[in-house]
Amino acid sequence: MSKSVFYHAGCPVCISAEHDIIKLIGKDNVEIVHFGEDASRIPEAENAGVKSVPALVTPTGNVLHINFGASMEDVKA
C-alpha cells in the first residue's frame, strides 16, 4: 500500500473527519472509500483491521480509528 486509505460511511462525523484528514495529509496521499458508494470494499476494510468508521489505514498497515461513528456491523446492516 503506497498511501493511506480512509474508510467511512458518509455520516456527518465521517464527512468532517474526511475533510480534516485531507487537510492534514493531502488529497494525493489518501484514498477515500465511502461504503455507501462502494460496499464491496467492506471486506477489504475488515481484513485490514477496521472495527468502526471513520478509520484511516496507514501505508504500514496501522489502523487509526478516528472517532466512533458506526461499527462495521452497523455498516453492513
PDB file of N, CA and C in Angstrom:
ATOM      1  N   MET A   1       0.846  -1.161   0.000  1.00  0.00           N
ATOM      2  CA  MET A   1       0.000   0.000   0.000  1.00  0.00           C
ATOM      3  C   MET A   1       0.897   1.231   0.000  1.00  0.00           C
ATOM      4  N   SER A   2       0.724   2.115  -0.960  1.00  0.00           N
ATOM      5  CA  SER A   2       1.598   3.272  -1.052  1.00  0.00           C
ATOM      6  C   SER A   2       1.020   4.520  -0.415  1.00  0.00           C
ATOM      7  N   LYS A   3      -0.296   4.542  -0.172  1.00  0.00           N
ATOM      8  CA  LYS A   3      -0.875   5.679   0.519  1.00  0.00           C
ATOM      9  C   LYS A   3      -1.917   5.196   1.509  1.00  0.00           C
ATOM     10  N   SER A   4      -2.330   6.082   2.372  1.00  0.00           N
ATOM     11  CA  SER A   4      -3.327   5.743   3.375  1.00  0.00           C
ATOM     12  C   SER A   4      -4.684   5.555   2.722  1.00  0.00           C
ATOM     13  N   VAL A   5      -5.551   4.793   3.393  1.00  0.00           N
ATOM     14  CA  VAL A   5      -6.924   4.607   2.936  1.00  0.00           C
ATOM     15  C   VAL A   5      -7.844   5.032   4.074  1.00  0.00           C
ATOM     16  N   PHE A   6      -8.757   5.947   3.776  1.00  0.00           N
ATOM     17  CA  PHE A   6      -9.711   6.434   4.761  1.00  0.00           C
ATOM     18  C   PHE A   6     -11.067   5.834   4.435  1.00  0.00           C
ATOM     19  N   TYR A   7     -11.567   5.020   5.357  1.00  0.00           N
ATOM     20  CA  TYR A   7     -12.856   4.357   5.183  1.00  0.00           C
ATOM     21  C   TYR A   7     -13.911   5.091   5.991  1.00  0.00           C
ATOM     22  N   HIS A   8     -15.088   5.293   5.378  1.00  0.00           N
ATOM     23  CA  HIS A   8     -16.177   5.905   6.132  1.00  0.00           C
ATOM     24  C   HIS A   8     -17.526   5.533   5.534  1.00  0.00           C
ATOM     25  N   ALA A   9     -18.584   5.891   6.281  1.00  0.00           N
ATOM     26  CA  ALA A   9     -19.944   5.508   5.895  1.00  0.00           C
ATOM     27  C   ALA A   9     -20.800   6.687   5.464  1.00  0.00           C
ATOM     28  N   GLY A  10     -20.245   7.877   5.446  1.00  0.00           N
ATOM     29  CA  GLY A  10     -20.980   9.034   4.948  1.00  0.00           C
ATOM     30  C   GLY A  10     -21.739   9.840   5.983  1.00  0.00           C
ATOM     31  N   CYS A  11     -21.654   9.454   7.249  1.00  0.00           N
ATOM     32  CA  CYS A  11     -22.357  10.218   8.286  1.00  0.00           C
ATOM     33  C   CYS A  11     -21.641  11.562   8.503  1.00  0.00           C
ATOM     34  N   PRO A  12     -22.279  12.506   9.194  1.00  0.00           N
ATOM     35  CA  PRO A  12     -21.634  13.807   9.421  1.00  0.00           C
ATOM     36  C   PRO A  12     -20.277  13.702  10.124  1.00  0.00           C
ATOM     37  N   VAL A  13     -20.141  12.792  11.088  1.00  0.00           N
ATOM     38  CA  VAL A  13     -18.851  12.603  11.766  1.00  0.00           C
ATOM     39  C   VAL A  13     -17.792  12.176  10.746  1.00  0.00           C
ATOM     40  N   CYS A  14     -18.172  11.241   9.864  1.00  0.00           N
ATOM     41  CA  CYS A  14     -17.241  10.724   8.859  1.00  0.00           C
ATOM     42  C   CYS A  14     -16.832  11.793   7.853  1.00  0.00           C
ATOM     43  N   ILE A  15     -17.798  12.564   7.388  1.00  0.00           N
ATOM     44  CA  ILE A  15     -17.516  13.613   6.404  1.00  0.00           C
ATOM     45  C   ILE A  15     -16.583  14.662   6.997  1.00  0.00           C
ATOM     46  N   SER A  16     -16.841  15.050   8.239  1.00  0.00           N
ATOM     47  CA  SER A  16     -15.977  16.019   8.910  1.00  0.00           C
ATOM     48  C   SER A  16     -14.560  15.473   9.042  1.00  0.00           C
ATOM     49  N   ALA A  17     -14.440  14.206   9.454  1.00  0.00           N
ATOM     50  CA  ALA A  17     -13.118  13.582   9.589  1.00  0.00           C
ATOM     51  C   ALA A  17     -12.424  13.483   8.229  1.00  0.00           C
ATOM     52  N   GLU A  18     -13.191  13.171   7.168  1.00  0.00           N
ATOM     53  CA  GLU A  18     -12.606  13.102   5.823  1.00  0.00           C
ATOM     54  C   GLU A  18     -11.965  14.433   5.449  1.00  0.00           C
ATOM     55  N   HIS A  19     -12.678  15.525   5.677  1.00  0.00           N
ATOM     56  CA  HIS A  19     -12.132  16.847   5.339  1.00  0.00           C
ATOM     57  C   HIS A  19     -10.864  17.139   6.137  1.00  0.00           C
ATOM     58  N   ASP A  20     -10.874  16.781   7.420  1.00  0.00           N
ATOM     59  CA  ASP A  20      -9.690  17.023   8.246  1.00  0.00           C
ATOM     60  C   ASP A  20      -8.503  16.165   7.807  1.00  0.00           C
ATOM     61  N   ILE A  21      -8.754  14.910   7.475  1.00  0.00           N
ATOM     62  CA  ILE A  21      -7.675  14.021   7.014  1.00  0.00           C
ATOM     63  C   ILE A  21      -7.050  14.569   5.734  1.00  0.00           C
ATOM     64  N   ILE A  22      -7.892  14.994   4.807  1.00  0.00           N
ATOM     65  CA  ILE A  22      -7.371  15.549   3.547  1.00  0.00           C
ATOM     66  C   ILE A  22      -6.526  16.787   3.815  1.00  0.00           C
ATOM     67  N   LYS A  23      -6.985  17.651   4.721  1.00  0.00           N
ATOM     68  CA  LYS A  23      -6.208  18.848   5.063  1.00  0.00           C
ATOM     69  C   LYS A  23      -4.875  18.482   5.717  1.00  0.00           C
ATOM     70  N   LEU A  24      -4.884  17.448   6.551  1.00  0.00           N
ATOM     71  CA  LEU A  24      -3.682  17.066   7.281  1.00  0.00           C
ATOM     72  C   LEU A  24      -2.634  16.370   6.418  1.00  0.00           C
ATOM     73  N   ILE A  25      -3.067  15.409   5.595  1.00  0.00           N
ATOM     74  CA  ILE A  25      -2.066  14.618   4.872  1.00  0.00           C
ATOM     75  C   ILE A  25      -2.083  14.830   3.363  1.00  0.00           C
ATOM     76  N   GLY A  26      -3.069  15.565   2.870  1.00  0.00           N
ATOM     77  CA  GLY A  26      -3.111  15.887   1.443  1.00  0.00           C
ATOM     78  C   GLY A  26      -3.902  14.876   0.638  1.00  0.00           C
ATOM     79  N   LYS A  27      -4.668  15.374  -0.302  1.00  0.00           N
ATOM     80  CA  LYS A  27      -5.541  14.544  -1.124  1.00  0.00           C
ATOM     81  C   LYS A  27      -4.776  13.477  -1.913  1.00  0.00           C
ATOM     82  N   ASP A  28      -3.555  13.794  -2.317  1.00  0.00           N
ATOM     83  CA  ASP A  28      -2.763  12.835  -3.096  1.00  0.00           C
ATOM     84  C   ASP A  28      -2.196  11.698  -2.249  1.00  0.00           C
ATOM     85  N   ASN A  29      -2.296  11.824  -0.923  1.00  0.00           N
ATOM     86  CA  ASN A  29      -1.717  10.829  -0.026  1.00  0.00           C
ATOM     87  C   ASN A  29      -2.746   9.913   0.617  1.00  0.00           C
ATOM     88  N   VAL A  30      -4.015  10.074   0.233  1.00  0.00           N
ATOM     89  CA  VAL A  30      -5.067   9.275   0.854  1.00  0.00           C
ATOM     90  C   VAL A  30      -6.120   8.883  -0.179  1.00  0.00           C
ATOM     91  N   GLU A  31      -6.556   7.645  -0.096  1.00  0.00           N
ATOM     92  CA  GLU A  31      -7.668   7.171  -0.910  1.00  0.00           C
ATOM     93  C   GLU A  31      -8.899   7.179  -0.013  1.00  0.00           C
ATOM     94  N   ILE A  32      -9.978   7.778  -0.488  1.00  0.00           N
ATOM     95  CA  ILE A  32     -11.222   7.855   0.280  1.00  0.00           C
ATOM     96  C   ILE A  32     -12.148   6.731  -0.179  1.00  0.00           C
ATOM     97  N   VAL A  33     -12.635   5.944   0.778  1.00  0.00           N
ATOM     98  CA  VAL A  33     -13.582   4.871   0.476  1.00  0.00           C
ATOM     99  C   VAL A  33     -14.851   5.121   1.279  1.00  0.00           C
ATOM    100  N   HIS A  34     -15.923   5.416   0.567  1.00  0.00           N
ATOM    101  CA  HIS A  34     -17.246   5.676   1.154  1.00  0.00           C
ATOM    102  C   HIS A  34     -18.071   4.412   0.946  1.00  0.00           C
ATOM    103  N   PHE A  35     -18.398   3.711   2.029  1.00  0.00           N
ATOM    104  CA  PHE A  35     -19.107   2.443   1.911  1.00  0.00           C
ATOM    105  C   PHE A  35     -20.501   2.583   1.311  1.00  0.00           C
ATOM    106  N   GLY A  36     -21.118   3.748   1.433  1.00  0.00           N
ATOM    107  CA  GLY A  36     -22.411   3.971   0.802  1.00  0.00           C
ATOM    108  C   GLY A  36     -22.313   3.991  -0.707  1.00  0.00           C
ATOM    109  N   GLU A  37     -21.133   4.315  -1.210  1.00  0.00           N
ATOM    110  CA  GLU A  37     -20.893   4.353  -2.659  1.00  0.00           C
ATOM    111  C   GLU A  37     -20.229   3.083  -3.164  1.00  0.00           C
ATOM    112  N   ASP A  38     -19.539   2.351  -2.293  1.00  0.00           N
ATOM    113  CA  ASP A  38     -18.849   1.130  -2.706  1.00  0.00           C
ATOM    114  C   ASP A  38     -18.791   0.131  -1.551  1.00  0.00           C
ATOM    115  N   ALA A  39     -19.901  -0.554  -1.314  1.00  0.00           N
ATOM    116  CA  ALA A  39     -19.985  -1.528  -0.225  1.00  0.00           C
ATOM    117  C   ALA A  39     -19.091  -2.743  -0.471  1.00  0.00           C
ATOM    118  N   SER A  40     -18.650  -2.958  -1.701  1.00  0.00           N
ATOM    119  CA  SER A  40     -17.794  -4.108  -1.996  1.00  0.00           C
ATOM    120  C   SER A  40     -16.434  -4.014  -1.301  1.00  0.00           C
ATOM    121  N   ARG A  41     -16.096  -2.830  -0.782  1.00  0.00           N
ATOM    122  CA  ARG A  41     -14.799  -2.640  -0.115  1.00  0.00           C
ATOM    123  C   ARG A  41     -14.858  -2.951   1.384  1.00  0.00           C
ATOM    124  N   ILE A  42     -16.049  -3.285   1.902  1.00  0.00           N
ATOM    125  CA  ILE A  42     -16.188  -3.592   3.329  1.00  0.00           C
ATOM    126  C   ILE A  42     -15.285  -4.753   3.748  1.00  0.00           C
ATOM    127  N   PRO A  43     -15.274  -5.884   3.034  1.00  0.00           N
ATOM    128  CA  PRO A  43     -14.373  -6.976   3.438  1.00  0.00           C
ATOM    129  C   PRO A  43     -12.900  -6.567   3.469  1.00  0.00           C
ATOM    130  N   GLU A  44     -12.495  -5.744   2.531  1.00  0.00           N
ATOM    131  CA  GLU A  44     -11.112  -5.240   2.493  1.00  0.00           C
ATOM    132  C   GLU A  44     -10.792  -4.484   3.783  1.00  0.00           C
ATOM    133  N   ALA A  45     -11.707  -3.618   4.192  1.00  0.00           N
ATOM    134  CA  ALA A  45     -11.507  -2.837   5.413  1.00  0.00           C
ATOM    135  C   ALA A  45     -11.445  -3.747   6.636  1.00  0.00           C
ATOM    136  N   GLU A  46     -12.358  -4.705   6.705  1.00  0.00           N
ATOM    137  CA  GLU A  46     -12.358  -5.634   7.837  1.00  0.00           C
ATOM    138  C   GLU A  46     -11.075  -6.446   7.875  1.00  0.00           C
ATOM    139  N   ASN A  47     -10.597  -6.891   6.737  1.00  0.00           N
ATOM    140  CA  ASN A  47      -9.337  -7.645   6.671  1.00  0.00           C
ATOM    141  C   ASN A  47      -8.145  -6.802   7.104  1.00  0.00           C
ATOM    142  N   ALA A  48      -8.245  -5.488   6.898  1.00  0.00           N
ATOM    143  CA  ALA A  48      -7.171  -4.583   7.317  1.00  0.00           C
ATOM    144  C   ALA A  48      -7.223  -4.307   8.816  1.00  0.00           C
ATOM    145  N   GLY A  49      -8.332  -4.686   9.471  1.00  0.00           N
ATOM    146  CA  GLY A  49      -8.454  -4.476  10.907  1.00  0.00           C
ATOM    147  C   GLY A  49      -9.389  -3.362  11.316  1.00  0.00           C
ATOM    148  N   VAL A  50     -10.128  -2.803  10.373  1.00  0.00           N
ATOM    149  CA  VAL A  50     -11.072  -1.732  10.691  1.00  0.00           C
ATOM    150  C   VAL A  50     -12.239  -2.318  11.482  1.00  0.00           C
ATOM    151  N   LYS A  51     -12.501  -1.744  12.657  1.00  0.00           N
ATOM    152  CA  LYS A  51     -13.583  -2.194  13.538  1.00  0.00           C
ATOM    153  C   LYS A  51     -14.752  -1.218  13.552  1.00  0.00           C
ATOM    154  N   SER A  52     -14.476   0.039  13.234  1.00  0.00           N
ATOM    155  CA  SER A  52     -15.508   1.063  13.176  1.00  0.00           C
ATOM    156  C   SER A  52     -15.041   2.154  12.216  1.00  0.00           C
ATOM    157  N   VAL A  53     -15.981   2.945  11.774  1.00  0.00           N
ATOM    158  CA  VAL A  53     -15.649   4.060  10.882  1.00  0.00           C
ATOM    159  C   VAL A  53     -16.079   5.357  11.537  1.00  0.00           C
ATOM    160  N   PRO A  54     -15.370   6.427  11.241  1.00  0.00           N
ATOM    161  CA  PRO A  54     -14.290   6.566  10.283  1.00  0.00           C
ATOM    162  C   PRO A  54     -12.972   5.964  10.793  1.00  0.00           C
ATOM    163  N   ALA A  55     -12.199   5.467   9.849  1.00  0.00           N
ATOM    164  CA  ALA A  55     -10.903   4.878  10.192  1.00  0.00           C
ATOM    165  C   ALA A  55      -9.912   5.125   9.060  1.00  0.00           C
ATOM    166  N   LEU A  56      -8.676   5.300   9.434  1.00  0.00           N
ATOM    167  CA  LEU A  56      -7.595   5.513   8.480  1.00  0.00           C
ATOM    168  C   LEU A  56      -6.623   4.351   8.600  1.00  0.00           C
ATOM    169  N   VAL A  57      -6.327   3.708   7.482  1.00  0.00           N
ATOM    170  CA  VAL A  57      -5.319   2.653   7.449  1.00  0.00           C
ATOM    171  C   VAL A  57      -4.081   3.262   6.807  1.00  0.00           C
ATOM    172  N   THR A  58      -2.983   3.235   7.550  1.00  0.00           N
ATOM    173  CA  THR A  58      -1.746   3.856   7.074  1.00  0.00           C
ATOM    174  C   THR A  58      -1.028   2.943   6.078  1.00  0.00           C
ATOM    175  N   PRO A  59      -0.068   3.480   5.348  1.00  0.00           N
ATOM    176  CA  PRO A  59       0.681   2.650   4.401  1.00  0.00           C
ATOM    177  C   PRO A  59       1.395   1.462   5.052  1.00  0.00           C
ATOM    178  N   THR A  60       1.685   1.554   6.334  1.00  0.00           N
ATOM    179  CA  THR A  60       2.338   0.442   7.027  1.00  0.00           C
ATOM    180  C   THR A  60       1.338  -0.549   7.611  1.00  0.00           C
ATOM    181  N   GLY A  61       0.044  -0.288   7.424  1.00  0.00           N
ATOM    182  CA  GLY A  61      -0.986  -1.211   7.883  1.00  0.00           C
ATOM    183  C   GLY A  61      -1.576  -0.914   9.249  1.00  0.00           C
ATOM    184  N   ASN A  62      -1.148   0.166   9.883  1.00  0.00           N
ATOM    185  CA  ASN A  62      -1.747   0.548  11.160  1.00  0.00           C
ATOM    186  C   ASN A  62      -3.153   1.088  10.918  1.00  0.00           C
ATOM    187  N   VAL A  63      -4.083   0.731  11.797  1.00  0.00           N
ATOM    188  CA  VAL A  63      -5.457   1.211  11.692  1.00  0.00           C
ATOM    189  C   VAL A  63      -5.681   2.259  12.766  1.00  0.00           C
ATOM    190  N   LEU A  64      -6.047   3.458  12.331  1.00  0.00           N
ATOM    191  CA  LEU A  64      -6.327   4.554  13.252  1.00  0.00           C
ATOM    192  C   LEU A  64      -7.833   4.799  13.249  1.00  0.00           C
ATOM    193  N   HIS A  65      -8.495   4.422  14.317  1.00  0.00           N
ATOM    194  CA  HIS A  65      -9.929   4.656  14.439  1.00  0.00           C
ATOM    195  C   HIS A  65     -10.100   6.093  14.923  1.00  0.00           C
ATOM    196  N   ILE A  66     -10.597   6.940  14.039  1.00  0.00           N
ATOM    197  CA  ILE A  66     -10.606   8.388  14.264  1.00  0.00           C
ATOM    198  C   ILE A  66     -11.590   8.796  15.349  1.00  0.00           C
ATOM    199  N   ASN A  67     -12.817   8.416  15.197  1.00  0.00           N
ATOM    200  CA  ASN A  67     -13.891   8.784  16.113  1.00  0.00           C
ATOM    201  C   ASN A  67     -14.982   7.754  15.881  1.00  0.00           C
ATOM    202  N   PHE A  68     -15.637   7.305  16.914  1.00  0.00           N
ATOM    203  CA  PHE A  68     -16.624   6.253  16.706  1.00  0.00           C
ATOM    204  C   PHE A  68     -17.871   6.818  16.048  1.00  0.00           C
ATOM    205  N   GLY A  69     -18.078   6.481  14.779  1.00  0.00           N
ATOM    206  CA  GLY A  69     -19.273   6.877  14.051  1.00  0.00           C
ATOM    207  C   GLY A  69     -20.225   5.712  13.912  1.00  0.00           C
ATOM    208  N   ALA A  70     -19.698   4.558  13.496  1.00  0.00           N
ATOM    209  CA  ALA A  70     -20.511   3.351  13.325  1.00  0.00           C
ATOM    210  C   ALA A  70     -19.606   2.128  13.353  1.00  0.00           C
ATOM    211  N   SER A  71     -20.101   1.060  13.949  1.00  0.00           N
ATOM    212  CA  SER A  71     -19.347  -0.196  13.928  1.00  0.00           C
ATOM    213  C   SER A  71     -19.444  -0.797  12.535  1.00  0.00           C
ATOM    214  N   MET A  72     -18.558  -1.710  12.223  1.00  0.00           N
ATOM    215  CA  MET A  72     -18.619  -2.367  10.917  1.00  0.00           C
ATOM    216  C   MET A  72     -19.899  -3.196  10.799  1.00  0.00           C
ATOM    217  N   GLU A  73     -20.405  -3.720  11.903  1.00  0.00           N
ATOM    218  CA  GLU A  73     -21.673  -4.452  11.865  1.00  0.00           C
ATOM    219  C   GLU A  73     -22.819  -3.530  11.457  1.00  0.00           C
ATOM    220  N   ASP A  74     -22.798  -2.290  11.963  1.00  0.00           N
ATOM    221  CA  ASP A  74     -23.817  -1.308  11.557  1.00  0.00           C
ATOM    222  C   ASP A  74     -23.687  -0.960  10.082  1.00  0.00           C
ATOM    223  N   VAL A  75     -22.466  -0.855   9.603  1.00  0.00           N
ATOM    224  CA  VAL A  75     -22.224  -0.514   8.197  1.00  0.00           C
ATOM    225  C   VAL A  75     -22.756  -1.618   7.286  1.00  0.00           C
ATOM    226  N   LYS A  76     -22.570  -2.870   7.699  1.00  0.00           N
ATOM    227  CA  LYS A  76     -23.002  -3.999   6.866  1.00  0.00           C
ATOM    228  C   LYS A  76     -24.523  -4.196   6.880  1.00  0.00           C
ATOM    229  N   ALA A  77     -25.191  -3.645   7.877  1.00  0.00           N
ATOM    230  CA  ALA A  77     -26.657  -3.844   8.002  1.00  0.00           C
ATOM    231  C   ALA A  77     -27.450  -3.065   6.967  1.00  0.00           C
TER     232      ALA A  77
END
